[in-house]
Amino acid sequence: MILQAVIDIAEICARKGVQDVVLSPGSRCAPLTLAFARHPQLRVRTVPDERSAAFIGLGMAQQTGKPVVLVCTSGTAAYNYAPAVAEAFYQNIPLLVLTADRPPEWIDQLDGQTIRQSHIYGGHVKRSLDFPVDATHPDSQWHAARLVNEALNEAYAFPEGPVHSTFAARTFLSRGRRGVCLCF
């Protein structure tokens, strides 16, 4: 089961003209990966190396003139997008960068990959947004949809450029009956 708010992210992107998504999959971004990969109107490419993925997405957006969605897992994986994000910023190329993250209570806990991801790209993005951690309540689902819309509107707005959104989740993958992976 994938949360409706996550499925809505892919649907909103498709409705707002996004055609291409570049995924650098990891366990924490699995719900986003599945939502984009299952959407019938989106072309999805999987590039495990985040730095390469970001530059591939940058080139695609540069050629099409349309935002490309980049998705990666949490922690230092997001930093690997930074060179391409900076290039997109200075070349006015629209990107929507979605980075999975841990919930706020897990940040700075001296555990692997618990870095501060909010505003990770500093002044090299037009805007940085944080999705609601708990998107089960209807108000949170509405808020998440609003943020995706705002992010894409900002990426399209003159001058075009990259927008970053963190996607923090407490539970992301678990084993269901018969060993089937479920996303929450």
C-alpha atoms as a PDB file:
ATOM      1  CA  MET A   1       0.000   0.000   0.000  1.00  0.00           C
ATOM      2  CA  ILE A   2       1.329   3.437  -0.932  1.00  0.00           C
ATOM      3  CA  LEU A   3      -0.087   6.512   0.756  1.00  0.00           C
ATOM      4  CA  GLN A   4      -2.496   8.445  -1.434  1.00  0.00           C
ATOM      5  CA  ALA A   5      -0.470  11.629  -0.921  1.00  0.00           C
ATOM      6  CA  VAL A   6       2.540   9.952  -2.532  1.00  0.00           C
ATOM      7  CA  ILE A   7       0.515   8.706  -5.495  1.00  0.00           C
ATOM      8  CA  ASP A   8      -0.861  12.240  -5.844  1.00  0.00           C
ATOM      9  CA  ILE A   9       2.667  13.637  -6.248  1.00  0.00           C
ATOM     10  CA  ALA A  10       3.179  11.629  -9.431  1.00  0.00           C
ATOM     11  CA  GLU A  11      -0.315  12.457 -10.696  1.00  0.00           C
ATOM     12  CA  ILE A  12       0.101  16.190 -10.117  1.00  0.00           C
ATOM     13  CA  CYS A  13       3.445  16.140 -11.895  1.00  0.00           C
ATOM     14  CA  ALA A  14       1.878  14.435 -14.921  1.00  0.00           C
ATOM     15  CA  ARG A  15      -1.055  16.860 -14.986  1.00  0.00           C
ATOM     16  CA  LYS A  16       1.274  19.850 -14.843  1.00  0.00           C
ATOM     17  CA  GLY A  17       3.245  18.747 -17.885  1.00  0.00           C
ATOM     18  CA  VAL A  18       6.102  16.739 -16.424  1.00  0.00           C
ATOM     19  CA  GLN A  19       7.001  13.901 -18.758  1.00  0.00           C
ATOM     20  CA  ASP A  20      10.340  12.651 -17.460  1.00  0.00           C
ATOM     21  CA  VAL A  21      11.489  11.344 -14.098  1.00  0.00           C
ATOM     22  CA  VAL A  22      14.985  10.180 -13.163  1.00  0.00           C
ATOM     23  CA  LEU A  23      15.124   7.851 -10.165  1.00  0.00           C
ATOM     24  CA  SER A  24      18.101   6.985  -7.999  1.00  0.00           C
ATOM     25  CA  PRO A  25      16.330   4.384  -5.889  1.00  0.00           C
ATOM     26  CA  GLY A  26      16.943   3.595  -2.269  1.00  0.00           C
ATOM     27  CA  SER A  27      14.835   2.151   0.506  1.00  0.00           C
ATOM     28  CA  ARG A  28      13.747   5.477   1.986  1.00  0.00           C
ATOM     29  CA  CYS A  29      12.496   6.838  -1.363  1.00  0.00           C
ATOM     30  CA  ALA A  30      10.740   3.581  -2.290  1.00  0.00           C
ATOM     31  CA  PRO A  31       7.205   5.041  -2.030  1.00  0.00           C
ATOM     32  CA  LEU A  32       8.129   7.881  -4.405  1.00  0.00           C
ATOM     33  CA  THR A  33       9.954   5.488  -6.718  1.00  0.00           C
ATOM     34  CA  LEU A  34       6.949   3.179  -6.935  1.00  0.00           C
ATOM     35  CA  ALA A  35       4.470   6.030  -7.442  1.00  0.00           C
ATOM     36  CA  PHE A  36       6.451   7.463 -10.349  1.00  0.00           C
ATOM     37  CA  ALA A  37       7.349   4.091 -11.859  1.00  0.00           C
ATOM     38  CA  ARG A  38       3.708   2.983 -11.856  1.00  0.00           C
ATOM     39  CA  HIS A  39       2.329   6.166 -13.415  1.00  0.00           C
ATOM     40  CA  PRO A  40       1.366   5.419 -17.035  1.00  0.00           C
ATOM     41  CA  GLN A  41       2.003   8.945 -18.381  1.00  0.00           C
ATOM     42  CA  LEU A  42       5.532   9.405 -17.049  1.00  0.00           C
ATOM     43  CA  ARG A  43       8.763   8.225 -18.665  1.00  0.00           C
ATOM     44  CA  VAL A  44      10.939   6.922 -15.877  1.00  0.00           C
ATOM     45  CA  ARG A  45      14.651   6.241 -16.041  1.00  0.00           C
ATOM     46  CA  THR A  46      16.612   4.597 -13.271  1.00  0.00           C
ATOM     47  CA  VAL A  47      20.168   5.803 -12.730  1.00  0.00           C
ATOM     48  CA  PRO A  48      21.665   4.482  -9.469  1.00  0.00           C
ATOM     49  CA  ASP A  49      24.531   6.994  -9.366  1.00  0.00           C
ATOM     50  CA  GLU A  50      22.988  10.232  -8.058  1.00  0.00           C
ATOM     51  CA  ARG A  51      25.523  12.615  -9.609  1.00  0.00           C
ATOM     52  CA  SER A  52      25.050  11.050 -13.039  1.00  0.00           C
ATOM     53  CA  ALA A  53      21.271  10.936 -12.570  1.00  0.00           C
ATOM     54  CA  ALA A  54      21.122  14.647 -11.793  1.00  0.00           C
ATOM     55  CA  PHE A  55      23.131  15.589 -14.864  1.00  0.00           C
ATOM     56  CA  ILE A  56      21.037  13.302 -17.058  1.00  0.00           C
ATOM     57  CA  GLY A  57      17.902  14.992 -15.708  1.00  0.00           C
ATOM     58  CA  LEU A  58      19.473  18.414 -16.244  1.00  0.00           C
ATOM     59  CA  GLY A  59      20.223  17.571 -19.883  1.00  0.00           C
ATOM     60  CA  MET A  60      16.703  16.271 -20.435  1.00  0.00           C
ATOM     61  CA  ALA A  61      15.159  19.439 -18.988  1.00  0.00           C
ATOM     62  CA  GLN A  62      17.545  21.565 -21.026  1.00  0.00           C
ATOM     63  CA  GLN A  63      16.501  19.827 -24.249  1.00  0.00           C
ATOM     64  CA  THR A  64      12.741  19.656 -23.594  1.00  0.00           C
ATOM     65  CA  GLY A  65      12.300  22.948 -21.746  1.00  0.00           C
ATOM     66  CA  LYS A  66      10.074  21.110 -19.267  1.00  0.00           C
ATOM     67  CA  PRO A  67      10.786  20.287 -15.648  1.00  0.00           C
ATOM     68  CA  VAL A  68      12.295  16.893 -14.970  1.00  0.00           C
ATOM     69  CA  VAL A  69      11.720  15.243 -11.607  1.00  0.00           C
ATOM     70  CA  LEU A  70      14.766  13.848  -9.790  1.00  0.00           C
ATOM     71  CA  VAL A  71      14.186  11.402  -6.929  1.00  0.00           C
ATOM     72  CA  CYS A  72      16.822  10.085  -4.529  1.00  0.00           C
ATOM     73  CA  THR A  73      17.055   8.561  -1.111  1.00  0.00           C
ATOM     74  CA  SER A  74      18.069  10.333   2.069  1.00  0.00           C
ATOM     75  CA  GLY A  75      21.333  11.586   3.455  1.00  0.00           C
ATOM     76  CA  THR A  76      24.402  12.270   1.415  1.00  0.00           C
ATOM     77  CA  ALA A  77      22.702  10.959  -1.746  1.00  0.00           C
ATOM     78  CA  ALA A  78      21.031  14.368  -1.971  1.00  0.00           C
ATOM     79  CA  TYR A  79      24.421  16.115  -1.922  1.00  0.00           C
ATOM     80  CA  ASN A  80      25.388  14.245  -5.076  1.00  0.00           C
ATOM     81  CA  TYR A  81      22.680  16.188  -6.918  1.00  0.00           C
ATOM     82  CA  ALA A  82      24.225  19.541  -5.902  1.00  0.00           C
ATOM     83  CA  PRO A  83      26.490  20.216  -8.922  1.00  0.00           C
ATOM     84  CA  ALA A  84      23.640  19.665 -11.399  1.00  0.00           C
ATOM     85  CA  VAL A  85      21.208  21.644  -9.239  1.00  0.00           C
ATOM     86  CA  ALA A  86      23.630  24.590  -9.214  1.00  0.00           C
ATOM     87  CA  GLU A  87      24.023  24.348 -13.002  1.00  0.00           C
ATOM     88  CA  ALA A  88      20.235  24.302 -13.401  1.00  0.00           C
ATOM     89  CA  PHE A  89      19.931  27.370 -11.173  1.00  0.00           C
ATOM     90  CA  TYR A  90      22.424  29.438 -13.147  1.00  0.00           C
ATOM     91  CA  GLN A  91      21.129  28.246 -16.520  1.00  0.00           C
ATOM     92  CA  ASN A  92      17.449  28.709 -15.555  1.00  0.00           C
ATOM     93  CA  ILE A  93      16.588  25.075 -16.199  1.00  0.00           C
ATOM     94  CA  PRO A  94      13.487  23.727 -14.427  1.00  0.00           C
ATOM     95  CA  LEU A  95      13.960  20.725 -12.134  1.00  0.00           C
ATOM     96  CA  LEU A  96      11.861  19.334  -9.310  1.00  0.00           C
ATOM     97  CA  VAL A  97      14.265  17.645  -6.898  1.00  0.00           C
ATOM     98  CA  LEU A  98      12.574  15.264  -4.452  1.00  0.00           C
ATOM     99  CA  THR A  99      14.826  13.881  -1.751  1.00  0.00           C
ATOM    100  CA  ALA A 100      13.629  11.327   0.759  1.00  0.00           C
ATOM    101  CA  ASP A 101      14.460  12.148   4.351  1.00  0.00           C
ATOM    102  CA  ARG A 102      14.111  10.921   7.876  1.00  0.00           C
ATOM    103  CA  PRO A 103      11.547  12.498  10.191  1.00  0.00           C
ATOM    104  CA  PRO A 104      12.749  15.561  12.132  1.00  0.00           C
ATOM    105  CA  GLU A 105      13.333  13.661  15.364  1.00  0.00           C
ATOM    106  CA  TRP A 106      15.977  11.512  13.635  1.00  0.00           C
ATOM    107  CA  ILE A 107      18.076  14.368  12.255  1.00  0.00           C
ATOM    108  CA  ASP A 108      21.485  14.991  13.875  1.00  0.00           C
ATOM    109  CA  GLN A 109      21.403  11.758  15.873  1.00  0.00           C
ATOM    110  CA  LEU A 110      24.979  10.766  15.011  1.00  0.00           C
ATOM    111  CA  ASP A 111      23.609   7.896  12.997  1.00  0.00           C
ATOM    112  CA  GLY A 112      24.416   7.272   9.359  1.00  0.00           C
ATOM    113  CA  GLN A 113      22.556   9.436   6.848  1.00  0.00           C
ATOM    114  CA  THR A 114      20.792  11.628   9.434  1.00  0.00           C
ATOM    115  CA  ILE A 115      22.108  14.871   7.963  1.00  0.00           C
ATOM    116  CA  ARG A 116      20.174  18.129   7.695  1.00  0.00           C
ATOM    117  CA  GLN A 117      18.504  17.980   4.292  1.00  0.00           C
ATOM    118  CA  SER A 118      16.055  20.832   4.571  1.00  0.00           C
ATOM    119  CA  HIS A 119      17.437  23.673   2.400  1.00  0.00           C
ATOM    120  CA  ILE A 120      20.407  21.454   1.468  1.00  0.00           C
ATOM    121  CA  TYR A 121      20.993  23.342  -1.797  1.00  0.00           C
ATOM    122  CA  GLY A 122      20.981  26.757  -0.131  1.00  0.00           C
ATOM    123  CA  GLY A 123      20.661  29.631  -2.561  1.00  0.00           C
ATOM    124  CA  HIS A 124      21.002  27.394  -5.608  1.00  0.00           C
ATOM    125  CA  VAL A 125      17.306  26.587  -5.769  1.00  0.00           C
ATOM    126  CA  LYS A 126      14.408  28.924  -6.303  1.00  0.00           C
ATOM    127  CA  ARG A 127      12.581  27.445  -3.328  1.00  0.00           C
ATOM    128  CA  SER A 128      12.957  24.669  -0.794  1.00  0.00           C
ATOM    129  CA  LEU A 129       9.906  22.914   0.645  1.00  0.00           C
ATOM    130  CA  ASP A 130       9.320  20.228   3.263  1.00  0.00           C
ATOM    131  CA  PHE A 131       6.438  17.825   2.761  1.00  0.00           C
ATOM    132  CA  PRO A 132       4.336  16.892   5.791  1.00  0.00           C
ATOM    133  CA  VAL A 133       5.802  13.971   7.692  1.00  0.00           C
ATOM    134  CA  ASP A 134       2.394  12.449   8.369  1.00  0.00           C
ATOM    135  CA  ALA A 135       0.219  12.535   5.260  1.00  0.00           C
ATOM    136  CA  THR A 136      -2.568  10.281   6.509  1.00  0.00           C
ATOM    137  CA  HIS A 137      -4.886  13.101   7.609  1.00  0.00           C
ATOM    138  CA  PRO A 138      -6.923  14.738   4.810  1.00  0.00           C
ATOM    139  CA  ASP A 139      -5.523  18.177   5.717  1.00  0.00           C
ATOM    140  CA  SER A 140      -1.968  16.858   5.369  1.00  0.00           C
ATOM    141  CA  GLN A 141      -2.824  15.263   2.031  1.00  0.00           C
ATOM    142  CA  TRP A 142      -4.207  18.588   0.823  1.00  0.00           C
ATOM    143  CA  HIS A 143      -1.077  20.338   2.117  1.00  0.00           C
ATOM    144  CA  ALA A 144       1.202  17.872   0.306  1.00  0.00           C
ATOM    145  CA  ALA A 145      -0.724  18.356  -2.955  1.00  0.00           C
ATOM    146  CA  ARG A 146      -0.531  22.119  -2.534  1.00  0.00           C
ATOM    147  CA  LEU A 147       3.227  21.950  -2.015  1.00  0.00           C
ATOM    148  CA  VAL A 148       3.754  19.872  -5.175  1.00  0.00           C
ATOM    149  CA  ASN A 149       1.690  22.374  -7.150  1.00  0.00           C
ATOM    150  CA  GLU A 150       3.615  25.307  -5.686  1.00  0.00           C
ATOM    151  CA  ALA A 151       6.936  23.624  -6.379  1.00  0.00           C
ATOM    152  CA  LEU A 152       6.108  23.017 -10.033  1.00  0.00           C
ATOM    153  CA  ASN A 153       4.622  26.491 -10.446  1.00  0.00           C
ATOM    154  CA  GLU A 154       7.865  27.916  -9.087  1.00  0.00           C
ATOM    155  CA  ALA A 155      10.014  25.738 -11.361  1.00  0.00           C
ATOM    156  CA  TYR A 156       8.013  26.999 -14.377  1.00  0.00           C
ATOM    157  CA  ALA A 157       7.912  30.661 -13.271  1.00  0.00           C
ATOM    158  CA  PHE A 158      10.314  33.125 -14.862  1.00  0.00           C
ATOM    159  CA  PRO A 159      13.175  32.730 -14.484  1.00  0.00           C
ATOM    160  CA  GLU A 160      12.802  28.969 -14.563  1.00  0.00           C
ATOM    161  CA  GLY A 161      14.957  26.906 -12.259  1.00  0.00           C
ATOM    162  CA  PRO A 162      15.254  24.068  -9.746  1.00  0.00           C
ATOM    163  CA  VAL A 163      12.983  23.621  -6.751  1.00  0.00           C
ATOM    164  CA  HIS A 164      13.799  21.200  -3.927  1.00  0.00           C
ATOM    165  CA  SER A 165      11.380  19.310  -1.709  1.00  0.00           C
ATOM    166  CA  THR A 166      12.219  16.961   1.113  1.00  0.00           C
ATOM    167  CA  PHE A 167       9.957  14.005   1.679  1.00  0.00           C
ATOM    168  CA  ALA A 168      10.359  12.797   5.263  1.00  0.00           C
ATOM    169  CA  ALA A 169       8.669   9.589   6.334  1.00  0.00           C
ATOM    170  CA  ARG A 170       8.641   7.631   9.558  1.00  0.00           C
ATOM    171  CA  THR A 171       7.693   4.353   7.915  1.00  0.00           C
ATOM    172  CA  PHE A 172       8.617   3.658   4.350  1.00  0.00           C
ATOM    173  CA  LEU A 173       8.966  -0.091   3.803  1.00  0.00           C
ATOM    174  CA  SER A 174       7.886  -3.054   5.847  1.00  0.00           C
ATOM    175  CA  ARG A 175       7.335  -6.739   5.272  1.00  0.00           C
ATOM    176  CA  GLY A 176       3.745  -7.825   4.976  1.00  0.00           C
ATOM    177  CA  ARG A 177       2.383 -11.318   5.081  1.00  0.00           C
ATOM    178  CA  ARG A 178       4.244 -13.717   2.797  1.00  0.00           C
ATOM    179  CA  GLY A 179       7.276 -11.400   2.716  1.00  0.00           C
ATOM    180  CA  VAL A 180       5.709  -8.848   0.379  1.00  0.00           C
ATOM    181  CA  CYS A 181       7.114  -5.310   0.724  1.00  0.00           C
ATOM    182  CA  LEU A 182       4.527  -2.706   1.595  1.00  0.00           C
ATOM    183  CA  CYS A 183       5.075   1.027   1.437  1.00  0.00           C
ATOM    184  CA  PHE A 184       3.503   3.300   4.014  1.00  0.00           C
END
